[in-house]
């Protein structure tokens, strides 16, 4: 819990756009539609990508590949309908106690639903 509070304290004073930028570093799973060679970027090397072979990449890269039509994005386990229903039921049973979600869950979910809703709905 102290780690969560520390991270929360470190993001005070950030704008929504800055929080979104930080959230884009979270890893998500993508399923490439085409083969792509190793991509060398300032943030690191990614790939090579093979069709239908899931791999983890930062959210910003996943969204870029998705926009280009090169991949689909796998819904994070916590964003699946069954997981959300289970969390809601758990919170109803515990009363005023909330279940844990990733720190940037709001920004991650918003971006995925805005740019990859077709993948998330399947997922």
Protein backbone atom coordinates (compact mmCIF):
# COMPACT_ATOMS: atom_id res chain seq x y z
CA UNK A 1 0.00 0.00 0.00
CA UNK A 2 2.88 2.37 0.74
CA UNK A 3 4.15 1.86 -2.81
CA UNK A 4 0.73 2.79 -4.18
CA UNK A 5 0.56 5.90 -2.00
CA UNK A 6 4.08 6.87 -3.03
CA UNK A 7 3.24 6.58 -6.71
CA UNK A 8 0.04 8.52 -6.20
CA UNK A 9 1.92 11.28 -4.38
CA UNK A 10 4.44 11.45 -7.22
CA UNK A 11 1.70 12.19 -9.77
CA UNK A 12 0.07 15.08 -7.92
CA UNK A 13 0.12 18.21 -9.98
CA UNK A 14 0.27 16.38 -13.30
CA UNK A 15 -2.24 17.29 -15.98
CA UNK A 16 -4.53 14.60 -17.45
CA UNK A 17 -2.39 14.62 -20.60
CA UNK A 18 0.76 14.02 -18.55
CA UNK A 19 -0.88 11.14 -16.66
CA UNK A 20 -1.92 9.65 -20.01
CA UNK A 21 1.66 9.97 -21.23
CA UNK A 22 2.91 8.09 -18.16
CA UNK A 23 0.25 5.39 -18.62
CA UNK A 24 1.40 4.78 -22.19
CA UNK A 25 4.53 3.09 -20.80
CA UNK A 26 2.47 0.18 -19.41
CA UNK A 27 2.99 -3.08 -21.27
CA UNK A 28 0.08 -4.61 -23.15
CA UNK A 29 -0.17 -7.69 -25.33
CA UNK A 30 -0.61 -7.34 -29.07
CA UNK A 31 -1.21 -9.93 -31.76
CA UNK A 32 0.54 -8.83 -34.97
CA UNK A 33 -1.30 -9.28 -38.26
CA UNK A 34 1.85 -9.06 -40.38
CA UNK A 35 5.54 -9.80 -40.01
CA UNK A 36 7.64 -6.80 -39.03
CA UNK A 37 11.40 -6.71 -38.48
CA UNK A 38 13.06 -5.49 -35.33
CA UNK A 39 12.12 -1.85 -34.80
CA UNK A 40 14.87 0.24 -33.20
CA UNK A 41 13.49 3.26 -31.37
CA UNK A 42 14.80 5.66 -28.75
CA UNK A 43 12.71 3.81 -26.14
CA UNK A 44 14.30 0.50 -27.10
CA UNK A 45 14.16 -2.28 -29.65
CA UNK A 46 10.84 -3.97 -30.30
CA UNK A 47 10.13 -7.07 -32.34
CA UNK A 48 10.63 -8.79 -34.58
CA UNK A 49 6.90 -9.34 -34.90
CA UNK A 50 5.39 -12.51 -36.36
CA UNK A 51 1.73 -12.87 -37.40
CA UNK A 52 -0.54 -14.37 -34.73
CA UNK A 53 2.29 -14.57 -32.15
CA UNK A 54 1.34 -12.48 -29.08
CA UNK A 55 4.01 -10.21 -27.63
CA UNK A 56 4.22 -7.41 -25.06
CA UNK A 57 4.88 -3.81 -26.06
CA UNK A 58 4.29 -0.43 -24.41
CA UNK A 59 0.77 0.90 -24.83
CA UNK A 60 1.97 3.80 -27.01
CA UNK A 61 3.48 1.37 -29.52
CA UNK A 62 0.44 -0.91 -29.39
CA UNK A 63 -1.85 2.01 -30.24
CA UNK A 64 0.43 3.10 -33.09
CA UNK A 65 0.53 -0.41 -34.55
CA UNK A 66 -3.24 -0.70 -34.14
CA UNK A 67 -3.89 2.60 -35.96
CA UNK A 68 -1.71 1.37 -38.84
CA UNK A 69 -3.70 -1.88 -38.98
CA UNK A 70 -0.68 -4.00 -38.06
CA UNK A 71 -2.05 -5.64 -34.91
CA UNK A 72 -4.93 -6.24 -32.57
CA UNK A 73 -4.64 -5.48 -28.87
CA UNK A 74 -5.48 -8.07 -26.23
CA UNK A 75 -7.61 -6.72 -23.38
CA UNK A 76 -5.71 -6.67 -20.09
CA UNK A 77 -7.09 -9.30 -17.69
CA UNK A 78 -8.50 -6.62 -15.35
CA UNK A 79 -10.48 -5.01 -18.22
CA UNK A 80 -12.36 -8.16 -19.22
CA UNK A 81 -16.07 -8.19 -18.43
CA UNK A 82 -15.87 -11.25 -16.17
CA UNK A 83 -13.05 -9.68 -14.13
CA UNK A 84 -14.92 -6.39 -13.77
CA UNK A 85 -18.09 -8.20 -12.66
CA UNK A 86 -16.08 -10.23 -10.13
CA UNK A 87 -14.48 -7.04 -8.76
CA UNK A 88 -17.85 -5.35 -8.43
CA UNK A 89 -19.26 -8.35 -6.55
CA UNK A 90 -16.20 -8.43 -4.30
CA UNK A 91 -16.58 -4.73 -3.51
CA UNK A 92 -20.28 -5.20 -2.74
CA UNK A 93 -19.39 -7.94 -0.25
CA UNK A 94 -16.58 -6.04 1.45
CA UNK A 95 -18.55 -2.83 1.83
CA UNK A 96 -16.36 0.24 1.68
CA UNK A 97 -13.16 -1.53 0.60
CA UNK A 98 -12.09 -1.20 -3.04
CA UNK A 99 -10.29 -3.88 -5.02
CA UNK A 100 -6.88 -3.15 -6.51
CA UNK A 101 -6.49 -2.04 -10.10
CA UNK A 102 -3.39 -0.91 -11.99
CA UNK A 103 -2.38 2.61 -10.99
CA UNK A 104 -3.18 4.15 -14.39
CA UNK A 105 -6.28 1.98 -14.99
CA UNK A 106 -8.45 4.96 -15.95
CA UNK A 107 -6.06 6.28 -18.59
CA UNK A 108 -5.28 2.80 -19.96
CA UNK A 109 -8.94 1.82 -20.20
CA UNK A 110 -9.87 5.15 -21.81
CA UNK A 111 -7.20 4.84 -24.49
CA UNK A 112 -7.98 1.20 -25.23
CA UNK A 113 -11.71 1.83 -25.47
CA UNK A 114 -11.15 4.91 -27.65
CA UNK A 115 -8.73 3.34 -30.13
CA UNK A 116 -9.17 -0.44 -29.84
CA UNK A 117 -12.77 -0.95 -28.76
CA UNK A 118 -13.23 -3.62 -31.44
CA UNK A 119 -10.42 -5.68 -29.90
CA UNK A 120 -11.53 -5.10 -26.32
CA UNK A 121 -15.12 -6.15 -27.04
CA UNK A 122 -13.86 -9.51 -28.34
CA UNK A 123 -11.55 -10.00 -25.47
